[in-house]
């Protein structure tokens, strides 16, 4: 047989095998990284979560240790990602899920970026499980944007906002969003195209800033440009722009938002997002050097600072030299923007066992769903809309949106409509705070949704043992892989029951909960590496269960875990800083204490 035909026959046979028959790899990520940082073990964990995801292959898994990971992250098809690890586990069940309050693995959008995104539909179901998604900002799905076969499982999604997000291209503004100020509702937009190349500034502007440190703190591009009305670089911008009076030459500080320290030899996350948005829209990416409106003096000659995106650097150029021009402007956005403050979900995506609270958006202020979307065994509480123009419920969608075994309570809108209930959705075994009668079998109408939880006023959304949703769910509606709740408790009890919402019930109600009236820590001044005494009122809960003591740093890395005694001795970490002492029964936090170690 011809060897080339034999080769292609081999390839065809190889591709016919199911993916499960191929070797699978497991990768490891920790905040600071360890060892060689190759990610092939906990001892060599990588600090770069996105790079590990990008380099992983179909059917690989990624274990992510506790800590805060900053920036927007992209899902990759067939790569399953799990959070909640301390950094030593050898089995998946050893990790802590976020509802336990321990080993929190936090994905943080820094009030600028969307936290997690699935850019296209997947053929292979792909899950991110055990994370906290917070501080995301995007016009659609600030916490997460899901497509077909994208699955969020056992995640806490909170404090995300549906406003223009950094790295989004806004056609109405003619550019890509560069920065967002949520306090003032102002956003900076960088023009989608170069307005000119090989243009000199040609005149001397405002007072020069000759030191790099002074130049990069100049954020007054609009003010600077007022003194450059006759400059050639400004004129090409003015004459080429629509609504030209809004555009200005960026200052050195505004350009510096896109630059990084050249010694890092890596472009900034913002630069990568902005250029990606420009290319996606068929616009001109940033390359080469661009004029800023920040002046300088160089060799006695008037100069201006220039941003060079080939070298990721900034330096002054004589004003008679030639370089590119790109405009910038700022604008005010309102409360009537945004779809899906927590999640924007497209047909075929799933939200399983998640707690979604304290998110803001105009339309679908927890979830904006389009098509067939499953929201199962989740809790949606205390999400809100500040829009006075757009009428929407906390879940915005059609009849293909399935809300099963789910609690929807205490969500609000300035419009004053029934924020929790959307009559179009498919509710089954759902507990909804509403005045509307719920006709489908198994649904529960609640008049006071907060009473379902242990302590809703203080953000504890664990289900009470006497809640209406306790053990009243339908086990047949549980996804097959949702075997535990958000805190790690089994989803199905020994007698075959399950509950409505993200949590199975607390073993005791709030009134029965033991209170640790006193934790004594001495000496008063805590020093790194030294032993500390911790006295508890009791090492047991009211029902006789043992308590445990844990010590975490500010990133959620656990240093100490031990069974509690009345008198305990633990050693402080070798680094100074702020640490959190936590006393729990393994499922619920009983007390915490902030320690300042010098």
Protein backbone atom coordinates (compact mmCIF):
# COMPACT_ATOMS: atom_id res chain seq x y z
CA UNK A 1 0.00 0.00 0.00
CA UNK A 2 1.11 3.55 -0.75
CA UNK A 3 2.71 4.94 2.45
CA UNK A 4 0.90 8.27 2.15
CA UNK A 5 -2.46 6.45 1.96
CA UNK A 6 -1.45 4.33 4.96
CA UNK A 7 -0.62 7.51 6.91
CA UNK A 8 -3.99 9.14 6.24
CA UNK A 9 -5.80 5.91 7.03
CA UNK A 10 -3.99 5.87 10.39
CA UNK A 11 -5.01 9.48 11.04
CA UNK A 12 -8.64 8.73 10.21
CA UNK A 13 -8.70 5.74 12.57
CA UNK A 14 -7.02 7.80 15.28
CA UNK A 15 -9.61 10.57 15.01
CA UNK A 16 -12.43 8.06 15.24
CA UNK A 17 -11.56 7.15 18.84
CA UNK A 18 -13.44 8.98 21.60
CA UNK A 19 -11.55 11.72 23.40
CA UNK A 20 -11.70 9.81 26.68
CA UNK A 21 -9.25 7.24 25.29
CA UNK A 22 -6.52 9.84 24.89
CA UNK A 23 -4.12 10.66 27.72
CA UNK A 24 -5.33 13.48 29.92
CA UNK A 25 -3.07 15.94 31.70
CA UNK A 26 -3.65 17.82 34.93
CA UNK A 27 -2.18 21.27 35.39
CA UNK A 28 -1.64 23.27 38.57
CA UNK A 29 -1.88 27.01 39.21
CA UNK A 30 -1.09 29.08 42.31
CA UNK A 31 -0.99 32.85 42.82
CA UNK A 32 2.77 33.22 43.27
CA UNK A 33 3.83 30.07 41.44
CA UNK A 34 6.23 27.44 42.72
CA UNK A 35 9.47 25.81 41.65
CA UNK A 36 9.96 25.79 37.89
CA UNK A 37 6.44 27.25 37.37
CA UNK A 38 5.79 24.79 34.54
CA UNK A 39 2.42 23.87 36.05
CA UNK A 40 3.00 20.11 35.98
CA UNK A 41 2.63 19.69 39.77
CA UNK A 42 1.81 21.66 42.90
CA UNK A 43 5.55 21.91 43.52
CA UNK A 44 5.94 23.57 40.08
CA UNK A 45 2.62 25.43 39.91
CA UNK A 46 2.30 28.21 37.35
CA UNK A 47 1.18 31.70 38.43
CA UNK A 48 -0.41 32.46 35.02
CA UNK A 49 -3.92 30.97 34.90
CA UNK A 50 -4.75 32.20 31.40
CA UNK A 51 -1.53 30.86 29.88
CA UNK A 52 -2.15 27.46 31.43
CA UNK A 53 -5.69 27.44 30.00
CA UNK A 54 -4.43 28.51 26.57
CA UNK A 55 -1.75 25.80 26.49
CA UNK A 56 -3.93 22.99 27.83
CA UNK A 57 -5.29 20.39 25.42
CA UNK A 58 -8.75 18.91 24.99
CA UNK A 59 -9.79 16.84 28.04
CA UNK A 60 -7.12 18.36 30.30
CA UNK A 61 -8.02 19.59 33.78
CA UNK A 62 -6.62 22.54 35.70
CA UNK A 63 -6.52 22.79 39.50
CA UNK A 64 -6.29 26.34 40.82
CA UNK A 65 -5.12 27.11 44.36
CA UNK A 66 -6.77 29.69 46.60
CA UNK A 67 -5.95 33.37 46.09
CA UNK A 68 -6.99 36.27 43.90
CA UNK A 69 -6.38 36.14 40.13
CA UNK A 70 -6.76 39.50 38.44
CA UNK A 71 -8.04 40.23 34.95
CA UNK A 72 -10.50 38.84 32.43
CA UNK A 73 -10.21 35.13 31.62
CA UNK A 74 -11.17 33.13 28.52
CA UNK A 75 -12.57 29.60 28.57
CA UNK A 76 -11.11 26.97 26.26
CA UNK A 77 -13.18 24.15 24.84
CA UNK A 78 -12.81 20.81 26.63
CA UNK A 79 -10.50 22.21 29.33
CA UNK A 80 -12.13 21.75 32.76
CA UNK A 81 -11.02 24.21 35.45
CA UNK A 82 -11.50 23.71 39.21
CA UNK A 83 -10.89 26.08 42.10
CA UNK A 84 -10.77 25.75 45.90
CA UNK A 85 -7.42 24.04 46.47
CA UNK A 86 -4.94 24.74 49.25
CA UNK A 87 -2.07 23.60 47.01
CA UNK A 88 -1.29 20.06 48.19
CA UNK A 89 -4.34 17.97 47.27
CA UNK A 90 -4.11 14.73 45.32
CA UNK A 91 -7.88 14.16 44.86
CA UNK A 92 -10.61 16.50 43.68
CA UNK A 93 -12.83 15.86 46.71
CA UNK A 94 -10.13 17.24 49.03
CA UNK A 95 -10.64 20.82 47.86
CA UNK A 96 -12.97 23.33 49.54
CA UNK A 97 -15.93 24.75 47.67
CA UNK A 98 -16.55 28.51 47.94
CA UNK A 99 -19.71 28.22 50.06
CA UNK A 100 -17.53 26.91 52.88
CA UNK A 101 -15.66 30.23 53.04
CA UNK A 102 -12.34 28.39 52.87
CA UNK A 103 -9.63 28.23 50.20
CA UNK A 104 -11.45 30.85 48.13
CA UNK A 105 -10.23 30.98 44.54
CA UNK A 106 -11.21 34.45 43.34
CA UNK A 107 -11.34 35.70 39.76
CA UNK A 108 -11.41 39.51 40.01
CA UNK A 109 -12.31 41.87 37.17
CA UNK A 110 -10.89 44.88 39.07
CA UNK A 111 -14.03 46.91 38.28
CA UNK A 112 -12.81 47.13 34.69
CA UNK A 113 -13.02 43.81 32.82
CA UNK A 114 -15.53 41.01 32.28
CA UNK A 115 -14.38 38.24 34.62
CA UNK A 116 -14.90 35.11 32.48
CA UNK A 117 -15.79 34.71 28.82
CA UNK A 118 -16.62 31.94 26.38
CA UNK A 119 -16.04 33.52 23.00
CA UNK A 120 -17.79 30.89 20.85
CA UNK A 121 -20.05 27.86 21.07
CA UNK A 122 -18.42 24.61 22.20
CA UNK A 123 -19.19 21.08 21.07
CA UNK A 124 -17.65 19.64 24.25
CA UNK A 125 -19.25 20.61 27.60
CA UNK A 126 -16.71 22.77 29.42
CA UNK A 127 -16.99 23.61 33.12
CA UNK A 128 -15.46 26.13 35.52
CA UNK A 129 -16.24 24.86 39.01
CA UNK A 130 -15.53 26.25 42.48
CA UNK A 131 -14.69 29.91 41.87
CA UNK A 132 -15.69 33.33 43.13
CA UNK A 133 -16.36 35.75 40.22
CA UNK A 134 -16.42 39.36 41.37
CA UNK A 135 -15.90 43.01 40.38
CA UNK A 136 -16.57 42.41 36.70
CA UNK A 137 -17.73 45.20 34.39
CA UNK A 138 -19.16 44.62 30.91
CA UNK A 139 -22.16 45.71 28.89
CA UNK A 140 -23.17 42.03 28.56
CA UNK A 141 -22.41 39.48 31.26
CA UNK A 142 -20.08 41.33 33.63
CA UNK A 143 -19.37 38.22 35.70
CA UNK A 144 -19.48 35.71 32.87
CA UNK A 145 -20.48 35.45 29.21
CA UNK A 146 -21.52 31.90 28.34
CA UNK A 147 -22.15 30.24 25.01
CA UNK A 148 -23.37 26.74 24.10
CA UNK A 149 -21.92 24.01 26.35
CA UNK A 150 -20.37 26.55 28.72
CA UNK A 151 -21.07 25.56 32.33
CA UNK A 152 -20.63 27.49 35.57
CA UNK A 153 -20.87 25.10 38.50
CA UNK A 154 -20.70 25.80 42.24
CA UNK A 155 -19.52 29.38 41.84
CA UNK A 156 -20.28 32.53 43.83
CA UNK A 157 -20.94 35.44 41.46
CA UNK A 158 -21.26 38.83 43.13
CA UNK A 159 -20.51 42.58 42.86
CA UNK A 160 -20.49 42.62 39.05
CA UNK A 161 -21.95 45.56 37.13
CA UNK A 162 -23.51 45.91 33.69
CA UNK A 163 -21.75 49.00 32.38
CA UNK A 164 -19.33 49.56 29.49
CA UNK A 165 -16.32 47.33 30.11
CA UNK A 166 -12.68 47.88 29.28
CA UNK A 167 -11.75 46.27 25.96
CA UNK A 168 -15.26 46.48 24.47
CA UNK A 169 -15.69 48.21 21.13
CA UNK A 170 -18.52 50.77 21.23
CA UNK A 171 -19.78 51.64 17.75
CA UNK A 172 -21.87 54.49 19.11
CA UNK A 173 -18.74 56.13 20.50
CA UNK A 174 -16.43 55.24 17.61
CA UNK A 175 -13.80 53.42 19.59
CA UNK A 176 -12.75 50.88 22.20
CA UNK A 177 -13.31 51.47 25.91
CA UNK A 178 -9.98 52.16 27.60
CA UNK A 179 -11.00 52.92 31.18
CA UNK A 180 -14.16 53.09 33.29
CA UNK A 181 -14.85 55.11 36.45
CA UNK A 182 -17.88 53.59 38.17
CA UNK A 183 -18.07 56.43 40.70
CA UNK A 184 -18.47 59.20 38.13
CA UNK A 185 -19.93 57.05 35.32
CA UNK A 186 -17.27 58.32 32.94
CA UNK A 187 -15.44 56.16 30.40
CA UNK A 188 -12.45 56.85 28.14
CA UNK A 189 -12.65 55.70 24.53
CA UNK A 190 -9.70 55.27 22.17
CA UNK A 191 -10.50 55.92 18.50
CA UNK A 192 -10.82 52.89 16.27
CA UNK A 193 -8.42 54.16 13.63
CA UNK A 194 -5.31 56.28 13.21
CA UNK A 195 -6.35 59.77 12.14
CA UNK A 196 -3.04 60.41 10.52
CA UNK A 197 0.51 59.18 10.16
CA UNK A 198 3.73 61.14 9.67
CA UNK A 199 2.34 64.32 11.22
CA UNK A 200 4.49 66.61 13.35
CA UNK A 201 3.05 68.45 16.33
CA UNK A 202 4.77 71.60 15.10
CA UNK A 203 4.08 73.92 18.06
CA UNK A 204 5.05 74.09 21.70
CA UNK A 205 2.21 73.34 24.09
CA UNK A 206 1.84 73.68 27.83
CA UNK A 207 4.58 73.58 30.44
CA UNK A 208 6.95 70.69 29.65
CA UNK A 209 7.38 67.62 31.82
CA UNK A 210 10.93 66.46 31.37
CA UNK A 211 10.99 63.51 33.74
CA UNK A 212 9.30 60.24 32.82
CA UNK A 213 7.73 59.96 36.29
CA UNK A 214 6.12 63.40 35.87
CA UNK A 215 4.96 62.68 32.32
CA UNK A 216 3.11 59.44 33.06
CA UNK A 217 1.01 60.99 35.83
CA UNK A 218 -0.32 63.60 33.38
CA UNK A 219 -3.92 62.53 32.66
CA UNK A 220 -5.08 65.84 31.18
CA UNK A 221 -5.14 65.11 27.46
CA UNK A 222 -8.28 67.17 26.85
CA UNK A 223 -6.82 70.13 28.77
CA UNK A 224 -3.43 69.81 27.05
CA UNK A 225 -5.03 69.73 23.61
CA UNK A 226 -6.62 73.13 24.16
CA UNK A 227 -3.11 74.61 23.83
CA UNK A 228 -2.48 72.64 20.63
CA UNK A 229 -5.32 74.02 18.49
CA UNK A 230 -2.84 75.11 15.82
CA UNK A 231 -0.66 72.01 16.03
CA UNK A 232 -0.47 69.90 12.89
CA UNK A 233 -1.04 66.70 14.89
CA UNK A 234 -4.16 68.13 16.50
CA UNK A 235 -5.48 69.57 13.26
CA UNK A 236 -5.40 66.22 11.47
CA UNK A 237 -7.36 64.75 14.35
CA UNK A 238 -9.83 67.62 14.37
CA UNK A 239 -10.39 67.65 10.62
CA UNK A 240 -10.74 63.89 10.29
CA UNK A 241 -13.05 63.18 13.20
CA UNK A 242 -16.79 63.03 13.47
CA UNK A 243 -17.89 65.33 16.30
CA UNK A 244 -14.33 66.56 16.29
CA UNK A 245 -14.69 68.77 19.35
CA UNK A 246 -15.00 65.68 21.56
CA UNK A 247 -11.66 64.17 20.54
CA UNK A 248 -8.24 65.14 21.87
CA UNK A 249 -4.63 64.00 21.78
CA UNK A 250 -4.08 61.57 24.68
CA UNK A 251 -1.72 62.68 27.43
CA UNK A 252 1.35 60.66 28.33
CA UNK A 253 -0.45 59.26 31.36
CA UNK A 254 -3.43 58.15 29.31
CA UNK A 255 -1.17 56.39 26.80
CA UNK A 256 0.74 54.88 29.71
CA UNK A 257 -2.39 52.96 30.72
CA UNK A 258 -1.63 50.71 27.75
CA UNK A 259 2.10 50.34 28.40
CA UNK A 260 3.99 48.14 30.78
CA UNK A 261 7.46 48.23 32.23
CA UNK A 262 9.66 47.35 29.26
CA UNK A 263 11.80 45.18 31.56
CA UNK A 264 8.85 42.77 31.82
CA UNK A 265 9.09 42.13 28.08
CA UNK A 266 5.33 41.60 27.97
CA UNK A 267 2.45 43.80 26.85
CA UNK A 268 -0.10 44.80 29.45
CA UNK A 269 -3.43 42.99 29.79
CA UNK A 270 -5.16 46.25 28.80
CA UNK A 271 -3.06 46.57 25.62
CA UNK A 272 -3.89 42.98 24.64
CA UNK A 273 -7.62 43.49 25.21
CA UNK A 274 -7.74 46.81 23.34
CA UNK A 275 -5.84 45.50 20.34
CA UNK A 276 -7.93 42.34 20.26
CA UNK A 277 -11.11 44.44 20.20
CA UNK A 278 -9.74 46.61 17.40
CA UNK A 279 -8.76 43.64 15.26
CA UNK A 280 -12.10 41.92 15.89
CA UNK A 281 -13.89 45.00 14.53
CA UNK A 282 -11.58 45.28 11.51
CA UNK A 283 -9.94 48.42 12.92
CA UNK A 284 -6.30 49.46 12.99
CA UNK A 285 -4.38 47.92 15.90
CA UNK A 286 -1.91 49.95 17.94
CA UNK A 287 1.58 49.59 16.52
CA UNK A 288 4.50 51.92 16.12
CA UNK A 289 4.64 55.27 17.91
CA UNK A 290 1.96 57.87 18.66
CA UNK A 291 2.02 61.49 19.75
CA UNK A 292 0.85 62.42 23.21
CA UNK A 293 -0.17 65.96 24.18
CA UNK A 294 2.32 66.06 27.07
CA UNK A 295 5.20 68.40 26.27
CA UNK A 296 8.92 68.10 27.09
CA UNK A 297 12.21 69.90 26.43
CA UNK A 298 14.99 67.90 24.83
CA UNK A 299 18.39 69.40 23.98
CA UNK A 300 16.85 72.84 24.29
CA UNK A 301 14.22 72.05 21.67
CA UNK A 302 10.45 71.78 22.24
CA UNK A 303 9.43 68.13 22.32
CA UNK A 304 6.45 65.96 23.13
CA UNK A 305 6.23 62.55 24.78
CA UNK A 306 5.61 59.67 22.39
CA UNK A 307 4.14 56.23 23.14
CA UNK A 308 5.90 53.44 21.24
CA UNK A 309 3.93 50.21 21.12
CA UNK A 310 6.64 48.31 19.27
CA UNK A 311 8.99 48.74 22.22
CA UNK A 312 6.29 49.17 24.92
CA UNK A 313 8.10 52.35 25.95
CA UNK A 314 7.62 56.11 26.09
CA UNK A 315 10.14 58.85 25.26
CA UNK A 316 10.21 62.51 24.07
CA UNK A 317 10.52 63.45 20.38
CA UNK A 318 11.23 66.83 18.82
CA UNK A 319 7.91 68.45 17.83
CA UNK A 320 9.08 68.74 14.21
CA UNK A 321 9.49 65.00 13.86
CA UNK A 322 6.72 62.86 12.40
CA UNK A 323 4.67 60.11 14.01
CA UNK A 324 1.09 58.78 14.23
CA UNK A 325 -2.01 60.40 15.68
CA UNK A 326 -4.94 58.67 17.36
CA UNK A 327 -7.69 60.44 19.26
CA UNK A 328 -9.27 59.82 22.63
CA UNK A 329 -12.39 61.14 24.30
CA UNK A 330 -14.43 60.60 27.44
CA UNK A 331 -18.18 60.31 27.81
CA UNK A 332 -20.81 59.76 30.49
CA UNK A 333 -22.79 56.53 30.61
CA UNK A 334 -26.08 56.04 32.45
CA UNK A 335 -27.81 53.37 34.53
CA UNK A 336 -29.84 52.17 31.56
CA UNK A 337 -27.00 50.18 30.02
CA UNK A 338 -26.04 46.58 30.59
CA UNK A 339 -27.57 43.13 30.11
CA UNK A 340 -26.89 40.38 32.63
CA UNK A 341 -25.09 41.93 35.59
CA UNK A 342 -23.85 38.52 36.71
CA UNK A 343 -24.18 36.30 33.62
CA UNK A 344 -25.15 36.69 29.97
CA UNK A 345 -26.10 33.18 28.88
CA UNK A 346 -26.75 32.01 25.33
CA UNK A 347 -28.61 28.89 24.27
CA UNK A 348 -27.08 25.63 25.48
CA UNK A 349 -25.26 27.11 28.48
CA UNK A 350 -25.83 26.08 32.10
CA UNK A 351 -25.64 27.61 35.58
CA UNK A 352 -25.52 24.86 38.20
CA UNK A 353 -25.38 25.18 41.99
CA UNK A 354 -24.33 28.86 42.00
CA UNK A 355 -24.98 31.72 44.41
CA UNK A 356 -25.64 34.94 42.48
CA UNK A 357 -26.04 38.09 44.55
CA UNK A 358 -25.35 41.84 44.69
CA UNK A 359 -25.03 42.28 40.92
CA UNK A 360 -26.26 45.34 39.00
CA UNK A 361 -27.59 45.72 35.46
CA UNK A 362 -30.48 47.34 33.65
CA UNK A 363 -31.77 44.23 31.84
CA UNK A 364 -31.64 40.87 33.61
CA UNK A 365 -29.74 42.17 36.59
CA UNK A 366 -28.68 38.69 37.65
CA UNK A 367 -28.98 36.68 34.43
CA UNK A 368 -29.83 37.74 30.89
CA UNK A 369 -30.59 34.51 29.00
CA UNK A 370 -31.27 34.00 25.32
CA UNK A 371 -32.55 30.65 24.05
CA UNK A 372 -32.49 27.38 25.99
CA UNK A 373 -30.58 28.01 29.24
CA UNK A 374 -30.60 25.89 32.43
CA UNK A 375 -30.43 27.56 35.86
CA UNK A 376 -30.46 24.69 38.33
CA UNK A 377 -30.08 24.38 42.13
CA UNK A 378 -28.94 27.98 42.41
CA UNK A 379 -29.78 31.00 44.57
CA UNK A 380 -30.43 34.45 43.09
CA UNK A 381 -30.76 37.06 45.83
CA UNK A 382 -30.24 40.80 46.40
CA UNK A 383 -29.49 41.69 42.79
CA UNK A 384 -30.79 45.05 41.61
CA UNK A 385 -31.40 47.47 38.78
CA UNK A 386 -31.02 51.25 39.05
CA UNK A 387 -32.65 51.86 35.68
CA UNK A 388 -35.80 54.00 35.68
CA UNK A 389 -36.49 53.29 32.01
CA UNK A 390 -36.10 49.56 31.46
CA UNK A 391 -38.59 47.09 32.92
CA UNK A 392 -36.96 43.71 33.56
CA UNK A 393 -36.93 40.91 36.09
CA UNK A 394 -33.83 39.52 37.75
CA UNK A 395 -33.81 36.74 35.12
CA UNK A 396 -34.55 38.12 31.67
CA UNK A 397 -35.36 35.47 29.10
CA UNK A 398 -38.01 33.41 27.31
CA UNK A 399 -39.80 30.11 27.70
CA UNK A 400 -36.60 28.17 26.99
CA UNK A 401 -35.04 29.37 30.26
CA UNK A 402 -35.43 26.57 32.82
CA UNK A 403 -35.34 27.65 36.47
CA UNK A 404 -35.29 24.40 38.42
CA UNK A 405 -34.66 23.71 42.13
CA UNK A 406 -33.72 27.40 42.40
CA UNK A 407 -34.42 30.20 44.91
CA UNK A 408 -35.20 33.67 43.51
CA UNK A 409 -35.84 36.21 46.29
CA UNK A 410 -35.16 39.76 47.53
CA UNK A 411 -34.16 41.21 44.15
CA UNK A 412 -35.24 44.77 43.43
CA UNK A 413 -35.72 47.40 40.72
CA UNK A 414 -36.46 51.11 40.76
CA UNK A 415 -39.34 50.45 38.36
CA UNK A 416 -41.16 48.71 41.20
CA UNK A 417 -42.37 45.73 39.17
CA UNK A 418 -42.23 42.12 40.36
CA UNK A 419 -38.46 41.83 40.19
CA UNK A 420 -38.22 38.17 41.21
CA UNK A 421 -40.81 36.55 38.95
CA UNK A 422 -40.82 36.43 35.16
CA UNK A 423 -44.01 34.63 34.00
CA UNK A 424 -42.45 33.58 30.69
CA UNK A 425 -39.79 31.33 32.27
CA UNK A 426 -40.09 27.61 32.97
CA UNK A 427 -40.14 27.30 36.78
CA UNK A 428 -40.08 23.83 38.34
CA UNK A 429 -39.51 23.22 42.05
CA UNK A 430 -38.47 26.85 42.43
CA UNK A 431 -38.96 29.05 45.49
CA UNK A 432 -39.82 32.56 44.32
CA UNK A 433 -40.67 35.67 46.31
CA UNK A 434 -43.72 36.99 44.48
CA UNK A 435 -47.36 37.94 44.84
CA UNK A 436 -48.18 35.91 41.73
CA UNK A 437 -49.58 32.40 42.13
CA UNK A 438 -47.14 29.74 40.86
CA UNK A 439 -49.08 27.05 39.04
CA UNK A 440 -46.45 24.46 38.15
CA UNK A 441 -45.98 21.47 40.41
CA UNK A 442 -43.38 21.80 43.16
CA UNK A 443 -43.03 25.58 43.03
CA UNK A 444 -43.17 27.56 46.27
CA UNK A 445 -44.54 31.09 46.58
CA UNK A 446 -42.66 33.08 49.21
CA UNK A 447 -43.80 36.33 50.78
CA UNK A 448 -40.57 36.95 52.74
CA UNK A 449 -37.65 35.42 50.88
CA UNK A 450 -34.99 36.51 53.36
CA UNK A 451 -36.44 34.19 55.99
CA UNK A 452 -35.17 31.23 53.94
CA UNK A 453 -31.57 31.96 54.92
CA UNK A 454 -29.49 31.72 58.06
CA UNK A 455 -28.63 35.45 58.07
CA UNK A 456 -29.52 37.23 54.83
CA UNK A 457 -28.92 40.69 56.29
CA UNK A 458 -25.26 39.80 56.78
CA UNK A 459 -24.82 37.92 53.52
CA UNK A 460 -25.19 34.37 54.86
CA UNK A 461 -27.38 32.65 52.26
CA UNK A 462 -27.12 29.13 53.65
CA UNK A 463 -30.58 27.58 53.78
CA UNK A 464 -32.21 27.35 57.20
CA UNK A 465 -33.26 23.92 58.41
CA UNK A 466 -36.84 25.18 58.73
CA UNK A 467 -36.89 26.96 55.34
CA UNK A 468 -39.66 26.26 52.85
CA UNK A 469 -37.04 25.15 50.34
CA UNK A 470 -35.31 22.71 52.70
CA UNK A 471 -35.48 19.15 51.30
CA UNK A 472 -38.38 20.07 48.97
CA UNK A 473 -36.48 19.95 45.65
CA UNK A 474 -36.68 17.31 42.96
CA UNK A 475 -33.70 14.97 42.68
CA UNK A 476 -34.62 14.13 39.08
CA UNK A 477 -33.86 17.72 38.12
CA UNK A 478 -30.32 17.60 39.52
CA UNK A 479 -27.51 17.63 36.93
CA UNK A 480 -25.57 14.35 37.15
CA UNK A 481 -22.28 16.03 38.12
CA UNK A 482 -23.76 18.32 40.77
CA UNK A 483 -23.11 15.85 43.60
CA UNK A 484 -22.50 18.43 46.34
CA UNK A 485 -23.87 21.85 47.22
CA UNK A 486 -21.90 25.09 47.22
CA UNK A 487 -20.35 24.27 50.61
CA UNK A 488 -19.46 20.67 49.76
CA UNK A 489 -22.40 18.92 51.43
CA UNK A 490 -24.01 16.00 49.54
CA UNK A 491 -26.84 17.25 47.32
CA UNK A 492 -28.98 14.20 48.10
CA UNK A 493 -29.65 13.23 51.72
CA UNK A 494 -29.51 9.67 53.03
CA UNK A 495 -33.27 9.44 52.73
CA UNK A 496 -33.17 10.56 49.08
CA UNK A 497 -34.16 14.24 49.37
CA UNK A 498 -32.60 17.41 47.99
CA UNK A 499 -33.19 21.10 48.66
CA UNK A 500 -34.04 24.12 46.56
CA UNK A 501 -31.19 26.61 46.14
CA UNK A 502 -27.40 26.55 46.10
CA UNK A 503 -27.06 25.21 49.66
CA UNK A 504 -28.37 22.24 51.53
CA UNK A 505 -29.76 23.31 54.92
CA UNK A 506 -27.69 24.34 57.88
CA UNK A 507 -27.72 21.66 60.57
CA UNK A 508 -29.13 24.23 63.02
CA UNK A 509 -31.18 27.38 62.71
CA UNK A 510 -29.88 30.85 63.50
CA UNK A 511 -31.50 30.94 66.93
CA UNK A 512 -29.72 27.70 67.87
CA UNK A 513 -26.36 28.71 66.50
CA UNK A 514 -23.65 28.79 69.17
CA UNK A 515 -21.93 32.12 69.59
CA UNK A 516 -18.28 32.33 70.53
CA UNK A 517 -18.46 35.28 72.88
CA UNK A 518 -14.72 35.59 73.24
CA UNK A 519 -11.48 34.77 71.47
CA UNK A 520 -8.38 35.72 73.41
CA UNK A 521 -5.14 36.07 71.47
CA UNK A 522 -1.87 36.84 73.20
CA UNK A 523 0.72 38.30 73.24
CA UNK A 524 -0.90 41.55 72.05
CA UNK A 525 1.97 42.30 69.65
CA UNK A 526 2.27 39.44 67.16
CA UNK A 527 5.65 38.87 65.54
CA UNK A 528 6.44 36.77 62.49
CA UNK A 529 7.68 33.25 63.16
CA UNK A 530 6.71 33.32 66.85
CA UNK A 531 4.23 31.17 68.77
CA UNK A 532 0.84 32.62 69.69
CA UNK A 533 -1.72 31.46 72.25
CA UNK A 534 -5.41 31.37 71.30
CA UNK A 535 -8.06 30.72 73.97
CA UNK A 536 -11.62 29.80 73.02
CA UNK A 537 -14.70 29.81 75.21
CA UNK A 538 -15.38 26.26 74.00
CA UNK A 539 -13.82 23.96 71.39
CA UNK A 540 -17.23 22.38 70.64
CA UNK A 541 -20.48 23.41 68.98
CA UNK A 542 -23.79 23.20 70.81
CA UNK A 543 -24.42 19.73 69.36
CA UNK A 544 -20.98 18.45 70.38
CA UNK A 545 -19.09 18.74 67.10
CA UNK A 546 -15.44 19.70 67.21
CA UNK A 547 -14.29 23.09 65.96
CA UNK A 548 -11.14 23.67 63.96
CA UNK A 549 -8.78 26.62 63.77
CA UNK A 550 -7.38 27.86 60.46
CA UNK A 551 -5.06 30.74 59.60
CA UNK A 552 -5.14 32.40 56.17
CA UNK A 553 -3.21 35.24 54.58
CA UNK A 554 -4.85 38.11 52.68
CA UNK A 555 -4.84 36.05 49.45
CA UNK A 556 -6.64 33.11 51.04
CA UNK A 557 -3.56 30.87 51.38
CA UNK A 558 -3.97 28.62 54.41
CA UNK A 559 -1.01 28.36 56.79
CA UNK A 560 -2.50 26.50 59.75
CA UNK A 561 -5.32 24.02 60.25
CA UNK A 562 -5.82 22.08 63.49
CA UNK A 563 -8.56 20.80 65.78
CA UNK A 564 -9.49 23.40 68.36
CA UNK A 565 -8.89 23.07 72.10
CA UNK A 566 -9.80 25.50 74.85
CA UNK A 567 -6.18 26.65 74.75
CA UNK A 568 -4.36 26.51 71.43
CA UNK A 569 -0.82 27.33 70.35
CA UNK A 570 -0.01 28.11 66.70
CA UNK A 571 3.06 29.50 64.99
CA UNK A 572 2.80 32.73 63.02
CA UNK A 573 3.97 32.76 59.37
CA UNK A 574 7.49 33.90 58.55
CA UNK A 575 6.24 37.02 56.72
CA UNK A 576 4.67 40.12 58.24
CA UNK A 577 1.19 41.06 57.09
CA UNK A 578 -2.54 40.84 57.80
CA UNK A 579 -3.88 37.34 58.48
CA UNK A 580 -7.34 35.94 59.21
CA UNK A 581 -7.94 33.48 62.04
CA UNK A 582 -11.08 31.41 61.37
CA UNK A 583 -12.92 29.05 63.70
CA UNK A 584 -15.36 26.69 61.98
CA UNK A 585 -17.05 23.35 62.31
CA UNK A 586 -15.96 22.35 58.80
CA UNK A 587 -19.18 23.53 57.19
CA UNK A 588 -19.85 26.89 58.78
CA UNK A 589 -17.76 29.79 60.00
CA UNK A 590 -18.32 30.30 63.75
CA UNK A 591 -15.96 33.21 64.37
CA UNK A 592 -13.10 35.08 62.78
CA UNK A 593 -10.36 37.36 64.05
CA UNK A 594 -7.98 39.63 62.15
CA UNK A 595 -4.32 39.30 63.12
CA UNK A 596 -1.67 41.91 62.31
CA UNK A 597 1.73 40.23 62.30
CA UNK A 598 4.80 42.48 62.51
